[in-house]
Amino acid sequence: MTLRVLELAENEAIDAACWYENKCDGLGVDFLSRYESILTAIEADPHRFPLLETLTTERNIRRCVMKRFPYYVVYELLDSETVVLAVAHSHRRPNYWQRRRTR
């Protein structure tokens, strides 16, 4: 199964990394490193992380919480691919990314 990252999600990761890097040298680099590790883990085993049970939808949407940072990576499992929908802050705008579509 292939992994695809929506441009909006990639931009969210970059924006967060820039913010952290401006706060402390190397922190943004650490954020991106953890983000890349999560993408690798999702690609290797997309069923590893839990379903988002707070959603009232039949979409197969899951999330992986980032260690050290208050962010999580939201992704959707489809028949032929796994699509990263968002890199979301866990304390801001809950479920804002729900309208993002993979097709």
N, C-alpha and C. Protein backbone atom coordinates (compact mmCIF):
# COMPACT_ATOMS: atom_id res chain seq x y z
N MET A 1 0.86 -1.18 0.00
CA MET A 1 0.00 0.00 0.00
C MET A 1 0.90 1.24 0.00
N THR A 2 0.60 2.16 -0.86
CA THR A 2 1.42 3.37 -0.95
C THR A 2 0.94 4.43 0.03
N LEU A 3 1.86 5.31 0.36
CA LEU A 3 1.56 6.42 1.27
C LEU A 3 1.60 7.71 0.47
N ARG A 4 0.54 8.52 0.63
CA ARG A 4 0.49 9.83 -0.01
C ARG A 4 0.17 10.86 1.07
N VAL A 5 0.85 11.98 1.01
CA VAL A 5 0.63 13.06 1.98
C VAL A 5 0.00 14.23 1.24
N LEU A 6 -1.17 14.66 1.71
CA LEU A 6 -1.79 15.83 1.10
C LEU A 6 -0.88 17.05 1.29
N GLU A 7 -0.88 17.93 0.32
CA GLU A 7 -0.05 19.13 0.39
C GLU A 7 -0.37 19.96 1.63
N LEU A 8 -1.64 20.04 1.99
CA LEU A 8 -2.03 20.80 3.19
C LEU A 8 -1.39 20.20 4.45
N ALA A 9 -1.35 18.89 4.53
CA ALA A 9 -0.74 18.23 5.68
C ALA A 9 0.77 18.47 5.71
N GLU A 10 1.40 18.37 4.56
CA GLU A 10 2.84 18.62 4.49
C GLU A 10 3.16 20.05 4.91
N ASN A 11 2.34 21.00 4.46
CA ASN A 11 2.53 22.40 4.85
C ASN A 11 2.35 22.60 6.35
N GLU A 12 1.40 21.88 6.95
CA GLU A 12 1.21 21.98 8.39
C GLU A 12 2.45 21.50 9.14
N ALA A 13 3.05 20.42 8.67
CA ALA A 13 4.26 19.90 9.31
C ALA A 13 5.40 20.90 9.19
N ILE A 14 5.56 21.47 8.03
CA ILE A 14 6.63 22.44 7.80
C ILE A 14 6.41 23.69 8.64
N ASP A 15 5.18 24.18 8.68
CA ASP A 15 4.87 25.37 9.49
C ASP A 15 5.16 25.13 10.98
N ALA A 16 4.76 23.97 11.48
CA ALA A 16 5.01 23.65 12.89
C ALA A 16 6.51 23.56 13.15
N ALA A 17 7.23 22.92 12.25
CA ALA A 17 8.68 22.79 12.42
C ALA A 17 9.36 24.15 12.42
N CYS A 18 8.93 25.04 11.55
CA CYS A 18 9.49 26.40 11.51
C CYS A 18 9.21 27.13 12.82
N TRP A 19 8.00 26.99 13.33
CA TRP A 19 7.64 27.64 14.58
C TRP A 19 8.55 27.14 15.71
N TYR A 20 8.72 25.82 15.80
CA TYR A 20 9.57 25.26 16.85
C TYR A 20 11.03 25.66 16.67
N GLU A 21 11.49 25.71 15.44
CA GLU A 21 12.88 26.09 15.18
C GLU A 21 13.13 27.54 15.59
N ASN A 22 12.14 28.40 15.40
CA ASN A 22 12.27 29.79 15.83
C ASN A 22 12.30 29.92 17.35
N LYS A 23 11.69 28.98 18.05
CA LYS A 23 11.69 29.01 19.51
C LYS A 23 13.00 28.49 20.10
N CYS A 24 13.57 27.48 19.44
CA CYS A 24 14.80 26.87 19.97
C CYS A 24 15.53 26.15 18.84
N ASP A 25 16.79 26.49 18.65
CA ASP A 25 17.58 25.85 17.59
C ASP A 25 17.55 24.33 17.73
N GLY A 26 17.24 23.67 16.65
CA GLY A 26 17.22 22.21 16.62
C GLY A 26 15.88 21.59 16.93
N LEU A 27 14.97 22.35 17.53
CA LEU A 27 13.68 21.79 17.91
C LEU A 27 12.82 21.51 16.67
N GLY A 28 12.88 22.38 15.69
CA GLY A 28 12.15 22.15 14.44
C GLY A 28 12.68 20.94 13.70
N VAL A 29 13.99 20.76 13.74
CA VAL A 29 14.60 19.59 13.12
C VAL A 29 14.12 18.32 13.81
N ASP A 30 14.03 18.36 15.14
CA ASP A 30 13.52 17.23 15.91
C ASP A 30 12.06 16.94 15.53
N PHE A 31 11.26 17.99 15.39
CA PHE A 31 9.86 17.82 15.00
C PHE A 31 9.78 17.09 13.65
N LEU A 32 10.54 17.55 12.67
CA LEU A 32 10.50 16.93 11.34
C LEU A 32 11.01 15.49 11.38
N SER A 33 12.00 15.24 12.20
CA SER A 33 12.53 13.88 12.33
C SER A 33 11.46 12.94 12.88
N ARG A 34 10.75 13.39 13.90
CA ARG A 34 9.67 12.58 14.47
C ARG A 34 8.52 12.40 13.47
N TYR A 35 8.23 13.44 12.73
CA TYR A 35 7.19 13.37 11.70
C TYR A 35 7.56 12.33 10.64
N GLU A 36 8.79 12.36 10.18
CA GLU A 36 9.24 11.39 9.18
C GLU A 36 9.19 9.97 9.74
N SER A 37 9.53 9.80 11.01
CA SER A 37 9.46 8.47 11.63
C SER A 37 8.03 7.96 11.67
N ILE A 38 7.10 8.86 11.95
CA ILE A 38 5.68 8.48 11.96
C ILE A 38 5.24 8.06 10.57
N LEU A 39 5.64 8.82 9.56
CA LEU A 39 5.27 8.45 8.18
C LEU A 39 5.80 7.07 7.82
N THR A 40 7.02 6.79 8.23
CA THR A 40 7.61 5.47 7.98
C THR A 40 6.82 4.38 8.68
N ALA A 41 6.43 4.63 9.93
CA ALA A 41 5.66 3.65 10.70
C ALA A 41 4.28 3.43 10.08
N ILE A 42 3.65 4.49 9.64
CA ILE A 42 2.32 4.38 9.02
C ILE A 42 2.43 3.58 7.73
N GLU A 43 3.44 3.88 6.94
CA GLU A 43 3.60 3.18 5.67
C GLU A 43 3.88 1.69 5.90
N ALA A 44 4.67 1.37 6.92
CA ALA A 44 5.01 -0.02 7.21
C ALA A 44 3.82 -0.83 7.71
N ASP A 45 2.98 -0.21 8.54
CA ASP A 45 1.83 -0.90 9.13
C ASP A 45 0.71 0.09 9.41
N PRO A 46 -0.09 0.42 8.41
CA PRO A 46 -1.12 1.45 8.58
C PRO A 46 -2.22 1.09 9.58
N HIS A 47 -2.37 -0.18 9.90
CA HIS A 47 -3.39 -0.59 10.87
C HIS A 47 -2.88 -0.51 12.32
N ARG A 48 -1.63 -0.15 12.48
CA ARG A 48 -0.98 -0.13 13.80
C ARG A 48 -1.61 0.89 14.76
N PHE A 49 -2.05 2.01 14.24
CA PHE A 49 -2.53 3.09 15.08
C PHE A 49 -4.06 3.07 15.15
N PRO A 50 -4.63 3.62 16.23
CA PRO A 50 -6.07 3.46 16.47
C PRO A 50 -6.95 4.31 15.56
N LEU A 51 -8.16 3.81 15.39
CA LEU A 51 -9.19 4.57 14.68
C LEU A 51 -9.55 5.80 15.51
N LEU A 52 -9.93 6.84 14.82
CA LEU A 52 -10.44 8.03 15.50
C LEU A 52 -11.92 7.76 15.80
N GLU A 53 -12.21 7.40 17.01
CA GLU A 53 -13.57 7.01 17.37
C GLU A 53 -14.48 8.19 17.63
N THR A 54 -13.95 9.39 17.69
CA THR A 54 -14.77 10.56 17.95
C THR A 54 -15.51 11.03 16.71
N LEU A 55 -15.17 10.48 15.57
CA LEU A 55 -15.82 10.89 14.33
C LEU A 55 -17.08 10.08 14.08
N THR A 56 -18.07 10.74 13.52
CA THR A 56 -19.29 10.05 13.14
C THR A 56 -19.28 9.85 11.64
N THR A 57 -18.39 9.01 11.20
CA THR A 57 -18.23 8.74 9.78
C THR A 57 -17.82 7.28 9.60
N GLU A 58 -18.01 6.78 8.42
CA GLU A 58 -17.62 5.41 8.14
C GLU A 58 -16.24 5.35 7.50
N ARG A 59 -15.61 6.49 7.35
CA ARG A 59 -14.26 6.53 6.79
C ARG A 59 -13.29 5.88 7.77
N ASN A 60 -12.30 5.20 7.25
CA ASN A 60 -11.29 4.52 8.07
C ASN A 60 -10.17 5.52 8.36
N ILE A 61 -10.40 6.38 9.34
CA ILE A 61 -9.46 7.44 9.69
C ILE A 61 -8.80 7.11 11.02
N ARG A 62 -7.48 7.23 11.03
CA ARG A 62 -6.68 6.88 12.20
C ARG A 62 -5.76 8.04 12.54
N ARG A 63 -5.13 7.93 13.72
CA ARG A 63 -4.18 8.97 14.09
C ARG A 63 -3.02 8.38 14.88
N CYS A 64 -1.90 9.06 14.75
CA CYS A 64 -0.70 8.71 15.50
C CYS A 64 -0.24 9.96 16.24
N VAL A 65 -0.14 9.85 17.55
CA VAL A 65 0.27 10.98 18.39
C VAL A 65 1.79 11.10 18.34
N MET A 66 2.27 12.33 18.18
CA MET A 66 3.71 12.58 18.17
C MET A 66 4.22 12.66 19.60
N LYS A 67 5.34 12.02 19.85
CA LYS A 67 5.97 12.13 21.16
C LYS A 67 6.67 13.48 21.25
N ARG A 68 6.62 14.06 22.42
CA ARG A 68 7.27 15.33 22.76
C ARG A 68 6.53 16.56 22.26
N PHE A 69 5.73 16.43 21.23
CA PHE A 69 5.03 17.58 20.65
C PHE A 69 3.51 17.35 20.73
N PRO A 70 2.74 18.42 20.91
CA PRO A 70 1.28 18.26 21.02
C PRO A 70 0.60 18.20 19.65
N TYR A 71 1.08 17.30 18.82
CA TYR A 71 0.55 17.12 17.47
C TYR A 71 0.24 15.66 17.22
N TYR A 72 -0.63 15.43 16.25
CA TYR A 72 -0.86 14.07 15.80
C TYR A 72 -1.03 14.08 14.29
N VAL A 73 -0.71 12.95 13.69
CA VAL A 73 -0.83 12.79 12.25
C VAL A 73 -2.12 12.01 11.98
N VAL A 74 -2.99 12.60 11.18
CA VAL A 74 -4.28 11.99 10.85
C VAL A 74 -4.18 11.42 9.44
N TYR A 75 -4.61 10.17 9.29
CA TYR A 75 -4.54 9.57 7.96
C TYR A 75 -5.74 8.67 7.72
N GLU A 76 -6.00 8.44 6.44
CA GLU A 76 -7.14 7.63 6.04
C GLU A 76 -6.65 6.43 5.24
N LEU A 77 -7.20 5.27 5.58
CA LEU A 77 -6.90 4.06 4.84
C LEU A 77 -7.93 3.88 3.73
N LEU A 78 -7.44 3.77 2.53
CA LEU A 78 -8.29 3.49 1.38
C LEU A 78 -7.92 2.12 0.82
N ASP A 79 -8.61 1.69 -0.20
CA ASP A 79 -8.33 0.37 -0.77
C ASP A 79 -6.91 0.27 -1.32
N SER A 80 -6.45 1.30 -2.00
CA SER A 80 -5.17 1.20 -2.69
C SER A 80 -4.05 2.06 -2.12
N GLU A 81 -4.39 2.92 -1.15
CA GLU A 81 -3.36 3.79 -0.59
C GLU A 81 -3.75 4.27 0.80
N THR A 82 -2.75 4.80 1.48
CA THR A 82 -2.94 5.46 2.76
C THR A 82 -2.65 6.93 2.53
N VAL A 83 -3.55 7.80 2.99
CA VAL A 83 -3.42 9.23 2.72
C VAL A 83 -3.36 10.01 4.03
N VAL A 84 -2.27 10.77 4.20
CA VAL A 84 -2.14 11.64 5.36
C VAL A 84 -2.98 12.88 5.10
N LEU A 85 -3.95 13.13 5.97
CA LEU A 85 -4.87 14.25 5.82
C LEU A 85 -4.41 15.50 6.53
N ALA A 86 -3.74 15.34 7.70
CA ALA A 86 -3.39 16.52 8.50
C ALA A 86 -2.28 16.19 9.48
N VAL A 87 -1.56 17.24 9.84
CA VAL A 87 -0.64 17.22 10.97
C VAL A 87 -1.23 18.26 11.90
N ALA A 88 -2.03 17.79 12.86
CA ALA A 88 -2.90 18.66 13.64
C ALA A 88 -2.40 18.87 15.06
N HIS A 89 -2.54 20.09 15.54
CA HIS A 89 -2.23 20.40 16.94
C HIS A 89 -3.36 19.82 17.79
N SER A 90 -3.00 19.17 18.85
CA SER A 90 -4.00 18.45 19.64
C SER A 90 -4.88 19.35 20.50
N HIS A 91 -4.55 20.64 20.62
CA HIS A 91 -5.34 21.53 21.47
C HIS A 91 -6.00 22.66 20.69
N ARG A 92 -5.96 22.60 19.38
CA ARG A 92 -6.55 23.66 18.57
C ARG A 92 -7.48 23.08 17.50
N ARG A 93 -8.55 23.74 17.25
CA ARG A 93 -9.47 23.42 16.16
C ARG A 93 -9.69 21.92 15.95
N PRO A 94 -10.32 21.25 16.87
CA PRO A 94 -10.50 19.81 16.72
C PRO A 94 -11.27 19.45 15.45
N ASN A 95 -10.77 18.45 14.78
CA ASN A 95 -11.41 17.89 13.58
C ASN A 95 -11.60 18.87 12.42
N TYR A 96 -10.82 19.94 12.38
CA TYR A 96 -10.93 20.92 11.29
C TYR A 96 -10.66 20.29 9.92
N TRP A 97 -9.93 19.24 9.88
CA TRP A 97 -9.46 18.59 8.66
C TRP A 97 -10.49 17.61 8.08
N GLN A 98 -11.62 17.42 8.75
CA GLN A 98 -12.60 16.41 8.33
C GLN A 98 -13.07 16.55 6.89
N ARG A 99 -13.13 17.76 6.42
CA ARG A 99 -13.64 17.97 5.05
C ARG A 99 -12.61 17.71 3.98
N ARG A 100 -11.40 17.46 4.39
CA ARG A 100 -10.36 17.16 3.41
C ARG A 100 -10.65 15.79 2.79
N ARG A 101 -10.60 15.76 1.52
CA ARG A 101 -10.89 14.53 0.80
C ARG A 101 -9.62 14.02 0.14
N THR A 102 -9.58 12.73 0.00
CA THR A 102 -8.40 12.09 -0.55
C THR A 102 -8.45 11.96 -2.07
N ARG A 103 -9.57 12.26 -2.65
CA ARG A 103 -9.70 12.11 -4.11
C ARG A 103 -10.17 13.37 -4.73
